[in-house]
PDB file of N, CA and C in Angstrom:
ATOM      1  N   MET A   1      58.963   9.754   1.433  1.00  0.00           N
ATOM      2  CA  MET A   1      57.888   9.599   0.498  1.00  0.00           C
ATOM      3  C   MET A   1      58.263   8.592  -0.566  1.00  0.00           C
ATOM      4  N   LYS A   2      57.322   7.770  -0.927  1.00  0.00           N
ATOM      5  CA  LYS A   2      57.547   6.789  -1.977  1.00  0.00           C
ATOM      6  C   LYS A   2      57.282   7.420  -3.330  1.00  0.00           C
ATOM      7  N   ASN A   3      58.052   7.075  -4.269  1.00  0.00           N
ATOM      8  CA  ASN A   3      57.839   7.546  -5.624  1.00  0.00           C
ATOM      9  C   ASN A   3      57.210   6.411  -6.415  1.00  0.00           C
ATOM     10  N   THR A   4      56.020   6.620  -6.922  1.00  0.00           N
ATOM     11  CA  THR A   4      55.315   5.537  -7.620  1.00  0.00           C
ATOM     12  C   THR A   4      55.895   5.279  -8.994  1.00  0.00           C
ATOM     13  N   TYR A   5      56.652   6.224  -9.504  1.00  0.00           N
ATOM     14  CA  TYR A   5      57.226   6.027 -10.830  1.00  0.00           C
ATOM     15  C   TYR A   5      58.423   5.081 -10.802  1.00  0.00           C
ATOM     16  N   ASN A   6      59.087   4.944  -9.645  1.00  0.00           N
ATOM     17  CA  ASN A   6      60.280   4.099  -9.549  1.00  0.00           C
ATOM     18  C   ASN A   6      59.958   2.694  -9.076  1.00  0.00           C
ATOM     19  N   ASP A   7      58.687   2.387  -8.787  1.00  0.00           N
ATOM     20  CA  ASP A   7      58.326   1.056  -8.302  1.00  0.00           C
ATOM     21  C   ASP A   7      58.475   0.041  -9.415  1.00  0.00           C
ATOM     22  N   ASP A   8      58.596  -1.179  -8.979  1.00  0.00           N
ATOM     23  CA  ASP A   8      58.692  -2.292  -9.920  1.00  0.00           C
ATOM     24  C   ASP A   8      57.340  -2.488 -10.616  1.00  0.00           C
ATOM     25  N   PRO A   9      57.285  -2.753 -11.933  1.00  0.00           N
ATOM     26  CA  PRO A   9      56.009  -2.947 -12.630  1.00  0.00           C
ATOM     27  C   PRO A   9      55.205  -4.128 -12.082  1.00  0.00           C
ATOM     28  N   ARG A  10      55.910  -5.126 -11.576  1.00  0.00           N
ATOM     29  CA  ARG A  10      55.190  -6.275 -10.986  1.00  0.00           C
ATOM     30  C   ARG A  10      54.470  -5.854  -9.715  1.00  0.00           C
ATOM     31  N   GLU A  11      55.106  -5.003  -8.924  1.00  0.00           N
ATOM     32  CA  GLU A  11      54.465  -4.516  -7.704  1.00  0.00           C
ATOM     33  C   GLU A  11      53.257  -3.651  -8.037  1.00  0.00           C
ATOM     34  N   GLN A  12      53.383  -2.810  -9.060  1.00  0.00           N
ATOM     35  CA  GLN A  12      52.257  -1.987  -9.477  1.00  0.00           C
ATOM     36  C   GLN A  12      51.087  -2.854  -9.947  1.00  0.00           C
ATOM     37  N   GLU A  13      51.405  -3.894 -10.696  1.00  0.00           N
ATOM     38  CA  GLU A  13      50.357  -4.800 -11.183  1.00  0.00           C
ATOM     39  C   GLU A  13      49.694  -5.525 -10.014  1.00  0.00           C
ATOM     40  N   ALA A  14      50.481  -5.931  -9.024  1.00  0.00           N
ATOM     41  CA  ALA A  14      49.925  -6.601  -7.843  1.00  0.00           C
ATOM     42  C   ALA A  14      49.020  -5.647  -7.068  1.00  0.00           C
ATOM     43  N   LYS A  15      49.428  -4.369  -6.948  1.00  0.00           N
ATOM     44  CA  LYS A  15      48.592  -3.382  -6.272  1.00  0.00           C
ATOM     45  C   LYS A  15      47.275  -3.191  -7.016  1.00  0.00           C
ATOM     46  N   LEU A  16      47.356  -3.080  -8.329  1.00  0.00           N
ATOM     47  CA  LEU A  16      46.138  -2.915  -9.121  1.00  0.00           C
ATOM     48  C   LEU A  16      45.206  -4.114  -8.965  1.00  0.00           C
ATOM     49  N   LYS A  17      45.778  -5.329  -8.949  1.00  0.00           N
ATOM     50  CA  LYS A  17      44.960  -6.525  -8.757  1.00  0.00           C
ATOM     51  C   LYS A  17      44.296  -6.513  -7.389  1.00  0.00           C
ATOM     52  N   ARG A  18      45.039  -6.098  -6.361  1.00  0.00           N
ATOM     53  CA  ARG A  18      44.473  -6.043  -5.013  1.00  0.00           C
ATOM     54  C   ARG A  18      43.324  -5.032  -4.948  1.00  0.00           C
ATOM     55  N   HIS A  19      43.547  -3.865  -5.535  1.00  0.00           N
ATOM     56  CA  HIS A  19      42.490  -2.849  -5.533  1.00  0.00           C
ATOM     57  C   HIS A  19      41.272  -3.328  -6.324  1.00  0.00           C
ATOM     58  N   PHE A  20      41.510  -3.990  -7.436  1.00  0.00           N
ATOM     59  CA  PHE A  20      40.392  -4.521  -8.225  1.00  0.00           C
ATOM     60  C   PHE A  20      39.637  -5.579  -7.445  1.00  0.00           C
ATOM     61  N   ASN A  21      40.372  -6.474  -6.774  1.00  0.00           N
ATOM     62  CA  ASN A  21      39.714  -7.518  -5.985  1.00  0.00           C
ATOM     63  C   ASN A  21      38.908  -6.914  -4.830  1.00  0.00           C
ATOM     64  N   ILE A  22      39.448  -5.895  -4.199  1.00  0.00           N
ATOM     65  CA  ILE A  22      38.721  -5.247  -3.103  1.00  0.00           C
ATOM     66  C   ILE A  22      37.445  -4.601  -3.629  1.00  0.00           C
ATOM     67  N   ARG A  23      37.538  -3.891  -4.754  1.00  0.00           N
ATOM     68  CA  ARG A  23      36.347  -3.261  -5.333  1.00  0.00           C
ATOM     69  C   ARG A  23      35.333  -4.297  -5.781  1.00  0.00           C
ATOM     70  N   LEU A  24      35.799  -5.394  -6.364  1.00  0.00           N
ATOM     71  CA  LEU A  24      34.891  -6.451  -6.808  1.00  0.00           C
ATOM     72  C   LEU A  24      34.184  -7.090  -5.614  1.00  0.00           C
ATOM     73  N   ASN A  25      34.920  -7.363  -4.552  1.00  0.00           N
ATOM     74  CA  ASN A  25      34.308  -7.925  -3.345  1.00  0.00           C
ATOM     75  C   ASN A  25      33.323  -6.956  -2.718  1.00  0.00           C
ATOM     76  N   LEU A  26      33.651  -5.669  -2.720  1.00  0.00           N
ATOM     77  CA  LEU A  26      32.748  -4.659  -2.185  1.00  0.00           C
ATOM     78  C   LEU A  26      31.465  -4.588  -3.013  1.00  0.00           C
ATOM     79  N   PHE A  27      31.581  -4.682  -4.331  1.00  0.00           N
ATOM     80  CA  PHE A  27      30.408  -4.677  -5.205  1.00  0.00           C
ATOM     81  C   PHE A  27      29.509  -5.881  -4.923  1.00  0.00           C
ATOM     82  N   PHE A  28      30.091  -7.078  -4.845  1.00  0.00           N
ATOM     83  CA  PHE A  28      29.285  -8.273  -4.589  1.00  0.00           C
ATOM     84  C   PHE A  28      28.658  -8.237  -3.199  1.00  0.00           C
ATOM     85  N   PHE A  29      29.395  -7.728  -2.221  1.00  0.00           N
ATOM     86  CA  PHE A  29      28.845  -7.634  -0.864  1.00  0.00           C
ATOM     87  C   PHE A  29      27.677  -6.655  -0.821  1.00  0.00           C
ATOM     88  N   SER A  30      27.813  -5.496  -1.464  1.00  0.00           N
ATOM     89  CA  SER A  30      26.722  -4.519  -1.458  1.00  0.00           C
ATOM     90  C   SER A  30      25.513  -5.038  -2.235  1.00  0.00           C
ATOM     91  N   THR A  31      25.747  -5.766  -3.335  1.00  0.00           N
ATOM     92  CA  THR A  31      24.644  -6.376  -4.075  1.00  0.00           C
ATOM     93  C   THR A  31      23.930  -7.412  -3.218  1.00  0.00           C
ATOM     94  N   PHE A  32      24.673  -8.198  -2.493  1.00  0.00           N
ATOM     95  CA  PHE A  32      24.096  -9.194  -1.592  1.00  0.00           C
ATOM     96  C   PHE A  32      23.245  -8.519  -0.514  1.00  0.00           C
ATOM     97  N   ILE A  33      23.752  -7.437   0.069  1.00  0.00           N
ATOM     98  CA  ILE A  33      23.022  -6.722   1.112  1.00  0.00           C
ATOM     99  C   ILE A  33      21.726  -6.132   0.549  1.00  0.00           C
ATOM    100  N   ILE A  34      21.787  -5.558  -0.651  1.00  0.00           N
ATOM    101  CA  ILE A  34      20.585  -4.959  -1.254  1.00  0.00           C
ATOM    102  C   ILE A  34      19.524  -6.027  -1.501  1.00  0.00           C
ATOM    103  N   PHE A  35      19.915  -7.158  -2.079  1.00  0.00           N
ATOM    104  CA  PHE A  35      18.939  -8.216  -2.335  1.00  0.00           C
ATOM    105  C   PHE A  35      18.407  -8.822  -1.041  1.00  0.00           C
ATOM    106  N   THR A  36      19.238  -8.900  -0.027  1.00  0.00           N
ATOM    107  CA  THR A  36      18.779  -9.404   1.268  1.00  0.00           C
ATOM    108  C   THR A  36      17.714  -8.479   1.854  1.00  0.00           C
ATOM    109  N   VAL A  37      17.927  -7.171   1.764  1.00  0.00           N
ATOM    110  CA  VAL A  37      16.953  -6.206   2.270  1.00  0.00           C
ATOM    111  C   VAL A  37      15.646  -6.331   1.494  1.00  0.00           C
ATOM    112  N   ILE A  38      15.731  -6.472   0.180  1.00  0.00           N
ATOM    113  CA  ILE A  38      14.520  -6.607  -0.641  1.00  0.00           C
ATOM    114  C   ILE A  38      13.753  -7.870  -0.272  1.00  0.00           C
ATOM    115  N   ILE A  39      14.443  -8.986  -0.109  1.00  0.00           N
ATOM    116  CA  ILE A  39      13.780 -10.256   0.219  1.00  0.00           C
ATOM    117  C   ILE A  39      13.148 -10.189   1.607  1.00  0.00           C
ATOM    118  N   VAL A  40      13.839  -9.587   2.555  1.00  0.00           N
ATOM    119  CA  VAL A  40      13.283  -9.464   3.906  1.00  0.00           C
ATOM    120  C   VAL A  40      12.044  -8.571   3.880  1.00  0.00           C
ATOM    121  N   ARG A  41      12.088  -7.475   3.127  1.00  0.00           N
ATOM    122  CA  ARG A  41      10.927  -6.586   3.035  1.00  0.00           C
ATOM    123  C   ARG A  41       9.737  -7.296   2.391  1.00  0.00           C
ATOM    124  N   LEU A  42      10.001  -8.073   1.347  1.00  0.00           N
ATOM    125  CA  LEU A  42       8.920  -8.831   0.715  1.00  0.00           C
ATOM    126  C   LEU A  42       8.328  -9.863   1.673  1.00  0.00           C
ATOM    127  N   ALA A  43       9.169 -10.505   2.463  1.00  0.00           N
ATOM    128  CA  ALA A  43       8.675 -11.485   3.431  1.00  0.00           C
ATOM    129  C   ALA A  43       7.818 -10.796   4.495  1.00  0.00           C
ATOM    130  N   ILE A  44       8.230  -9.628   4.941  1.00  0.00           N
ATOM    131  CA  ILE A  44       7.437  -8.892   5.933  1.00  0.00           C
ATOM    132  C   ILE A  44       6.096  -8.500   5.338  1.00  0.00           C
ATOM    133  N   LEU A  45       6.102  -8.015   4.094  1.00  0.00           N
ATOM    134  CA  LEU A  45       4.844  -7.651   3.440  1.00  0.00           C
ATOM    135  C   LEU A  45       3.920  -8.851   3.296  1.00  0.00           C
ATOM    136  N   GLN A  46       4.478  -9.988   2.924  1.00  0.00           N
ATOM    137  CA  GLN A  46       3.655 -11.171   2.656  1.00  0.00           C
ATOM    138  C   GLN A  46       3.103 -11.784   3.938  1.00  0.00           C
ATOM    139  N   PHE A  47       3.962 -11.990   4.919  1.00  0.00           N
ATOM    140  CA  PHE A  47       3.559 -12.775   6.083  1.00  0.00           C
ATOM    141  C   PHE A  47       3.100 -11.942   7.273  1.00  0.00           C
ATOM    142  N   VAL A  48       3.675 -10.779   7.479  1.00  0.00           N
ATOM    143  CA  VAL A  48       3.321  -9.983   8.641  1.00  0.00           C
ATOM    144  C   VAL A  48       2.175  -9.019   8.317  1.00  0.00           C
ATOM    145  N   GLU A  49       2.348  -8.246   7.230  1.00  0.00           N
ATOM    146  CA  GLU A  49       1.352  -7.243   6.890  1.00  0.00           C
ATOM    147  C   GLU A  49       0.311  -7.758   5.902  1.00  0.00           C
ATOM    148  N   GLY A  50       0.475  -8.958   5.403  1.00  0.00           N
ATOM    149  CA  GLY A  50      -0.418  -9.506   4.383  1.00  0.00           C
ATOM    150  C   GLY A  50      -1.876  -9.580   4.787  1.00  0.00           C
ATOM    151  N   PRO A  51      -2.193 -10.182   5.943  1.00  0.00           N
ATOM    152  CA  PRO A  51      -3.608 -10.281   6.321  1.00  0.00           C
ATOM    153  C   PRO A  51      -4.293  -8.916   6.477  1.00  0.00           C
ATOM    154  N   SER A  52      -3.611  -7.972   7.103  1.00  0.00           N
ATOM    155  CA  SER A  52      -4.246  -6.658   7.279  1.00  0.00           C
ATOM    156  C   SER A  52      -4.373  -5.934   5.948  1.00  0.00           C
ATOM    157  N   LEU A  53      -3.400  -6.092   5.056  1.00  0.00           N
ATOM    158  CA  LEU A  53      -3.496  -5.445   3.747  1.00  0.00           C
ATOM    159  C   LEU A  53      -4.597  -6.064   2.899  1.00  0.00           C
ATOM    160  N   SER A  54      -4.778  -7.375   2.998  1.00  0.00           N
ATOM    161  CA  SER A  54      -5.855  -7.997   2.212  1.00  0.00           C
ATOM    162  C   SER A  54      -7.220  -7.591   2.772  1.00  0.00           C
ATOM    163  N   GLN A  55      -7.311  -7.414   4.076  1.00  0.00           N
ATOM    164  CA  GLN A  55      -8.570  -6.941   4.666  1.00  0.00           C
ATOM    165  C   GLN A  55      -8.854  -5.508   4.225  1.00  0.00           C
ATOM    166  N   GLN A  56      -7.835  -4.679   4.171  1.00  0.00           N
ATOM    167  CA  GLN A  56      -8.004  -3.313   3.679  1.00  0.00           C
ATOM    168  C   GLN A  56      -8.456  -3.319   2.226  1.00  0.00           C
ATOM    169  N   GLU A  57      -7.897  -4.208   1.433  1.00  0.00           N
ATOM    170  CA  GLU A  57      -8.245  -4.279   0.017  1.00  0.00           C
ATOM    171  C   GLU A  57      -9.693  -4.675  -0.179  1.00  0.00           C
ATOM    172  N   THR A  58     -10.173  -5.640   0.598  1.00  0.00           N
ATOM    173  CA  THR A  58     -11.559  -6.053   0.444  1.00  0.00           C
ATOM    174  C   THR A  58     -12.512  -4.969   0.943  1.00  0.00           C
ATOM    175  N   SER A  59     -12.113  -4.214   1.950  1.00  0.00           N
ATOM    176  CA  SER A  59     -12.985  -3.142   2.420  1.00  0.00           C
ATOM    177  C   SER A  59     -13.020  -1.987   1.429  1.00  0.00           C
ATOM    178  N   MET A  60     -11.991  -1.820   0.643  1.00  0.00           N
ATOM    179  CA  MET A  60     -11.962  -0.755  -0.354  1.00  0.00           C
ATOM    180  C   MET A  60     -12.669  -1.170  -1.644  1.00  0.00           C
ATOM    181  N   ARG A  61     -12.872  -2.456  -1.833  1.00  0.00           N
ATOM    182  CA  ARG A  61     -13.490  -2.950  -3.058  1.00  0.00           C
ATOM    183  C   ARG A  61     -14.975  -2.590  -3.116  1.00  0.00           C
ATOM    184  N   VAL A  62     -15.674  -2.714  -1.994  1.00  0.00           N
ATOM    185  CA  VAL A  62     -17.105  -2.424  -1.939  1.00  0.00           C
ATOM    186  C   VAL A  62     -17.273  -1.009  -1.423  1.00  0.00           C
ATOM    187  N   LYS A  63     -17.993  -0.222  -2.178  1.00  0.00           N
ATOM    188  CA  LYS A  63     -18.183   1.165  -1.800  1.00  0.00           C
ATOM    189  C   LYS A  63     -19.664   1.487  -1.854  1.00  0.00           C
ATOM    190  N   ASP A  64     -20.218   1.932  -0.752  1.00  0.00           N
ATOM    191  CA  ASP A  64     -21.624   2.315  -0.697  1.00  0.00           C
ATOM    192  C   ASP A  64     -21.755   3.773  -1.124  1.00  0.00           C
ATOM    193  N   VAL A  65     -22.504   3.971  -2.195  1.00  0.00           N
ATOM    194  CA  VAL A  65     -22.748   5.322  -2.696  1.00  0.00           C
ATOM    195  C   VAL A  65     -24.249   5.538  -2.695  1.00  0.00           C
ATOM    196  N   PRO A  66     -24.733   6.487  -1.898  1.00  0.00           N
ATOM    197  CA  PRO A  66     -26.185   6.726  -1.877  1.00  0.00           C
ATOM    198  C   PRO A  66     -26.623   7.395  -3.182  1.00  0.00           C
ATOM    199  N   LEU A  67     -27.703   6.870  -3.771  1.00  0.00           N
ATOM    200  CA  LEU A  67     -28.293   7.430  -4.986  1.00  0.00           C
ATOM    201  C   LEU A  67     -29.665   7.973  -4.641  1.00  0.00           C
ATOM    202  N   SER A  68     -29.905   9.177  -5.037  1.00  0.00           N
ATOM    203  CA  SER A  68     -31.224   9.737  -4.765  1.00  0.00           C
ATOM    204  C   SER A  68     -32.156   9.370  -5.913  1.00  0.00           C
ATOM    205  N   PRO A  69     -33.172   8.535  -5.670  1.00  0.00           N
ATOM    206  CA  PRO A  69     -34.020   8.048  -6.751  1.00  0.00           C
ATOM    207  C   PRO A  69     -35.159   8.993  -7.140  1.00  0.00           C
ATOM    208  N   ILE A  70     -35.384  10.036  -6.376  1.00  0.00           N
ATOM    209  CA  ILE A  70     -36.536  10.892  -6.635  1.00  0.00           C
ATOM    210  C   ILE A  70     -36.242  11.784  -7.834  1.00  0.00           C
ATOM    211  N   ARG A  71     -37.138  11.700  -8.832  1.00  0.00           N
ATOM    212  CA  ARG A  71     -36.960  12.480 -10.044  1.00  0.00           C
ATOM    213  C   ARG A  71     -38.079  13.496 -10.245  1.00  0.00           C
ATOM    214  N   GLY A  72     -39.134  13.364  -9.549  1.00  0.00           N
ATOM    215  CA  GLY A  72     -40.227  14.318  -9.677  1.00  0.00           C
ATOM    216  C   GLY A  72     -41.467  13.693 -10.299  1.00  0.00           C
ATOM    217  N   THR A  73     -42.570  14.396 -10.193  1.00  0.00           N
ATOM    218  CA  THR A  73     -43.850  13.922 -10.695  1.00  0.00           C
ATOM    219  C   THR A  73     -44.255  14.745 -11.910  1.00  0.00           C
ATOM    220  N   ILE A  74     -44.850  14.065 -12.886  1.00  0.00           N
ATOM    221  CA  ILE A  74     -45.344  14.753 -14.088  1.00  0.00           C
ATOM    222  C   ILE A  74     -46.857  14.895 -13.947  1.00  0.00           C
ATOM    223  N   TYR A  75     -47.328  16.138 -14.072  1.00  0.00           N
ATOM    224  CA  TYR A  75     -48.755  16.422 -13.950  1.00  0.00           C
ATOM    225  C   TYR A  75     -49.346  16.758 -15.325  1.00  0.00           C
ATOM    226  N   ALA A  76     -50.587  16.439 -15.511  1.00  0.00           N
ATOM    227  CA  ALA A  76     -51.312  16.816 -16.726  1.00  0.00           C
ATOM    228  C   ALA A  76     -51.777  18.267 -16.590  1.00  0.00           C
ATOM    229  N   ALA A  77     -52.332  18.790 -17.636  1.00  0.00           N
ATOM    230  CA  ALA A  77     -52.787  20.183 -17.628  1.00  0.00           C
ATOM    231  C   ALA A  77     -53.895  20.399 -16.604  1.00  0.00           C
ATOM    232  N   GLY A  78     -54.665  19.349 -16.341  1.00  0.00           N
ATOM    233  CA  GLY A  78     -55.765  19.460 -15.383  1.00  0.00           C
ATOM    234  C   GLY A  78     -55.308  19.287 -13.951  1.00  0.00           C
ATOM    235  N   GLY A  79     -54.045  18.914 -13.694  1.00  0.00           N
ATOM    236  CA  GLY A  79     -53.546  18.757 -12.332  1.00  0.00           C
ATOM    237  C   GLY A  79     -53.470  17.318 -11.866  1.00  0.00           C
ATOM    238  N   GLU A  80     -53.940  16.353 -12.675  1.00  0.00           N
ATOM    239  CA  GLU A  80     -53.844  14.958 -12.242  1.00  0.00           C
ATOM    240  C   GLU A  80     -52.440  14.412 -12.566  1.00  0.00           C
ATOM    241  N   LYS A  81     -51.998  13.445 -11.755  1.00  0.00           N
ATOM    242  CA  LYS A  81     -50.664  12.858 -11.917  1.00  0.00           C
ATOM    243  C   LYS A  81     -50.647  11.921 -13.114  1.00  0.00           C
ATOM    244  N   LEU A  82     -49.728  12.157 -14.025  1.00  0.00           N
ATOM    245  CA  LEU A  82     -49.539  11.250 -15.153  1.00  0.00           C
ATOM    246  C   LEU A  82     -48.429  10.227 -14.862  1.00  0.00           C
ATOM    247  N   ALA A  83     -47.340  10.683 -14.311  1.00  0.00           N
ATOM    248  CA  ALA A  83     -46.211   9.800 -13.979  1.00  0.00           C
ATOM    249  C   ALA A  83     -45.605  10.261 -12.667  1.00  0.00           C
ATOM    250  N   TYR A  84     -45.236   9.320 -11.855  1.00  0.00           N
ATOM    251  CA  TYR A  84     -44.612   9.650 -10.590  1.00  0.00           C
ATOM    252  C   TYR A  84     -43.526   8.618 -10.316  1.00  0.00           C
ATOM    253  N   SER A  85     -42.600   8.971  -9.478  1.00  0.00           N
ATOM    254  CA  SER A  85     -41.507   8.044  -9.154  1.00  0.00           C
ATOM    255  C   SER A  85     -41.671   7.512  -7.740  1.00  0.00           C
ATOM    256  N   THR A  86     -41.326   6.251  -7.591  1.00  0.00           N
ATOM    257  CA  THR A  86     -41.369   5.608  -6.287  1.00  0.00           C
ATOM    258  C   THR A  86     -39.926   5.458  -5.802  1.00  0.00           C
ATOM    259  N   PRO A  87     -39.594   5.968  -4.626  1.00  0.00           N
ATOM    260  CA  PRO A  87     -38.211   5.864  -4.161  1.00  0.00           C
ATOM    261  C   PRO A  87     -37.834   4.416  -3.852  1.00  0.00           C
ATOM    262  N   VAL A  88     -36.897   3.883  -4.626  1.00  0.00           N
ATOM    263  CA  VAL A  88     -36.380   2.526  -4.430  1.00  0.00           C
ATOM    264  C   VAL A  88     -34.862   2.606  -4.505  1.00  0.00           C
ATOM    265  N   GLN A  89     -34.210   2.068  -3.500  1.00  0.00           N
ATOM    266  CA  GLN A  89     -32.752   2.090  -3.476  1.00  0.00           C
ATOM    267  C   GLN A  89     -32.208   0.834  -4.151  1.00  0.00           C
ATOM    268  N   SER A  90     -32.051   0.874  -5.459  1.00  0.00           N
ATOM    269  CA  SER A  90     -31.510  -0.275  -6.171  1.00  0.00           C
ATOM    270  C   SER A  90     -30.713   0.205  -7.367  1.00  0.00           C
ATOM    271  N   LEU A  91     -29.766  -0.606  -7.762  1.00  0.00           N
ATOM    272  CA  LEU A  91     -28.922  -0.306  -8.907  1.00  0.00           C
ATOM    273  C   LEU A  91     -28.804  -1.561  -9.728  1.00  0.00           C
ATOM    274  N   TYR A  92     -28.984  -1.440 -11.021  1.00  0.00           N
ATOM    275  CA  TYR A  92     -28.921  -2.592 -11.911  1.00  0.00           C
ATOM    276  C   TYR A  92     -27.780  -2.407 -12.894  1.00  0.00           C
ATOM    277  N   ILE A  93     -27.065  -3.488 -13.143  1.00  0.00           N
ATOM    278  CA  ILE A  93     -25.954  -3.474 -14.094  1.00  0.00           C
ATOM    279  C   ILE A  93     -26.239  -4.522 -15.152  1.00  0.00           C
ATOM    280  N   THR A  94     -26.080  -4.150 -16.400  1.00  0.00           N
ATOM    281  CA  THR A  94     -26.247  -5.092 -17.500  1.00  0.00           C
ATOM    282  C   THR A  94     -24.881  -5.391 -18.082  1.00  0.00           C
ATOM    283  N   LEU A  95     -24.485  -6.654 -18.042  1.00  0.00           N
ATOM    284  CA  LEU A  95     -23.199  -7.048 -18.609  1.00  0.00           C
ATOM    285  C   LEU A  95     -23.317  -7.166 -20.118  1.00  0.00           C
ATOM    286  N   GLN A  96     -22.332  -6.650 -20.810  1.00  0.00           N
ATOM    287  CA  GLN A  96     -22.341  -6.692 -22.268  1.00  0.00           C
ATOM    288  C   GLN A  96     -21.806  -8.018 -22.800  1.00  0.00           C
ATOM    289  N   LYS A  97     -21.026  -8.726 -21.990  1.00  0.00           N
ATOM    290  CA  LYS A  97     -20.406  -9.978 -22.423  1.00  0.00           C
ATOM    291  C   LYS A  97     -20.865 -11.095 -21.497  1.00  0.00           C
ATOM    292  N   ASP A  98     -21.031 -12.280 -22.049  1.00  0.00           N
ATOM    293  CA  ASP A  98     -21.441 -13.426 -21.245  1.00  0.00           C
ATOM    294  C   ASP A  98     -20.199 -14.045 -20.614  1.00  0.00           C
ATOM    295  N   TYR A  99     -20.045 -13.869 -19.295  1.00  0.00           N
ATOM    296  CA  TYR A  99     -18.885 -14.383 -18.586  1.00  0.00           C
ATOM    297  C   TYR A  99     -19.145 -15.755 -17.967  1.00  0.00           C
ATOM    298  N   SER A 100     -20.278 -16.356 -18.237  1.00  0.00           N
ATOM    299  CA  SER A 100     -20.599 -17.635 -17.620  1.00  0.00           C
ATOM    300  C   SER A 100     -19.857 -18.790 -18.269  1.00  0.00           C
ATOM    301  N   LYS A 101     -19.364 -18.643 -19.474  1.00  0.00           N
ATOM    302  CA  LYS A 101     -18.614 -19.704 -20.157  1.00  0.00           C
ATOM    303  C   LYS A 101     -17.201 -19.717 -19.600  1.00  0.00           C
ATOM    304  N   SER A 102     -16.837 -20.821 -18.991  1.00  0.00           N
ATOM    305  CA  SER A 102     -15.513 -20.890 -18.383  1.00  0.00           C
ATOM    306  C   SER A 102     -14.469 -21.460 -19.336  1.00  0.00           C
ATOM    307  N   GLU A 103     -14.890 -22.181 -20.342  1.00  0.00           N
ATOM    308  CA  GLU A 103     -13.931 -22.769 -21.272  1.00  0.00           C
ATOM    309  C   GLU A 103     -13.573 -21.756 -22.342  1.00  0.00           C
ATOM    310  N   ARG A 104     -12.312 -21.788 -22.740  1.00  0.00           N
ATOM    311  CA  ARG A 104     -11.883 -20.881 -23.792  1.00  0.00           C
ATOM    312  C   ARG A 104     -12.278 -21.460 -25.150  1.00  0.00           C
ATOM    313  N   GLY A 105     -12.528 -20.584 -26.037  1.00  0.00           N
ATOM    314  CA  GLY A 105     -12.862 -21.021 -27.382  1.00  0.00           C
ATOM    315  C   GLY A 105     -14.335 -21.254 -27.607  1.00  0.00           C
ATOM    316  N   MET A 106     -15.133 -21.276 -26.530  1.00  0.00           N
ATOM    317  CA  MET A 106     -16.578 -21.469 -26.698  1.00  0.00           C
ATOM    318  C   MET A 106     -17.197 -20.156 -27.081  1.00  0.00           C
ATOM    319  N   LYS A 107     -17.989 -20.163 -28.103  1.00  0.00           N
ATOM    320  CA  LYS A 107     -18.667 -18.952 -28.562  1.00  0.00           C
ATOM    321  C   LYS A 107     -20.100 -18.959 -28.024  1.00  0.00           C
ATOM    322  N   PRO A 108     -20.578 -17.778 -27.609  1.00  0.00           N
ATOM    323  CA  PRO A 108     -21.967 -17.726 -27.126  1.00  0.00           C
ATOM    324  C   PRO A 108     -22.946 -17.985 -28.260  1.00  0.00           C
ATOM    325  N   ALA A 109     -24.026 -18.654 -27.921  1.00  0.00           N
ATOM    326  CA  ALA A 109     -25.004 -19.038 -28.942  1.00  0.00           C
ATOM    327  C   ALA A 109     -25.821 -17.863 -29.395  1.00  0.00           C
TER     328      ALA A 109
END
């Protein structure tokens, strides 16, 4: 059995340097492998799965939601119709901000 206490200090220092160099090389190699895996995964997402994912995204953007437009008829005391609803499948959105100005700094009139 070797006794580590009787070794030469230069040999101990050389061993420590070797162990440090091995650990440092192992750290850089593992970092390289991790970044390589990340870059390869990003490339697969962009080039291989990209078209199908963008098609999925556009299909999820538009959503058809049926709205029931019938609200009922209002009758007068005599039984004649005062107000009635006509079933129309439409939805209107009013924008609060004018997005037609493409230049920055232009104020709406």
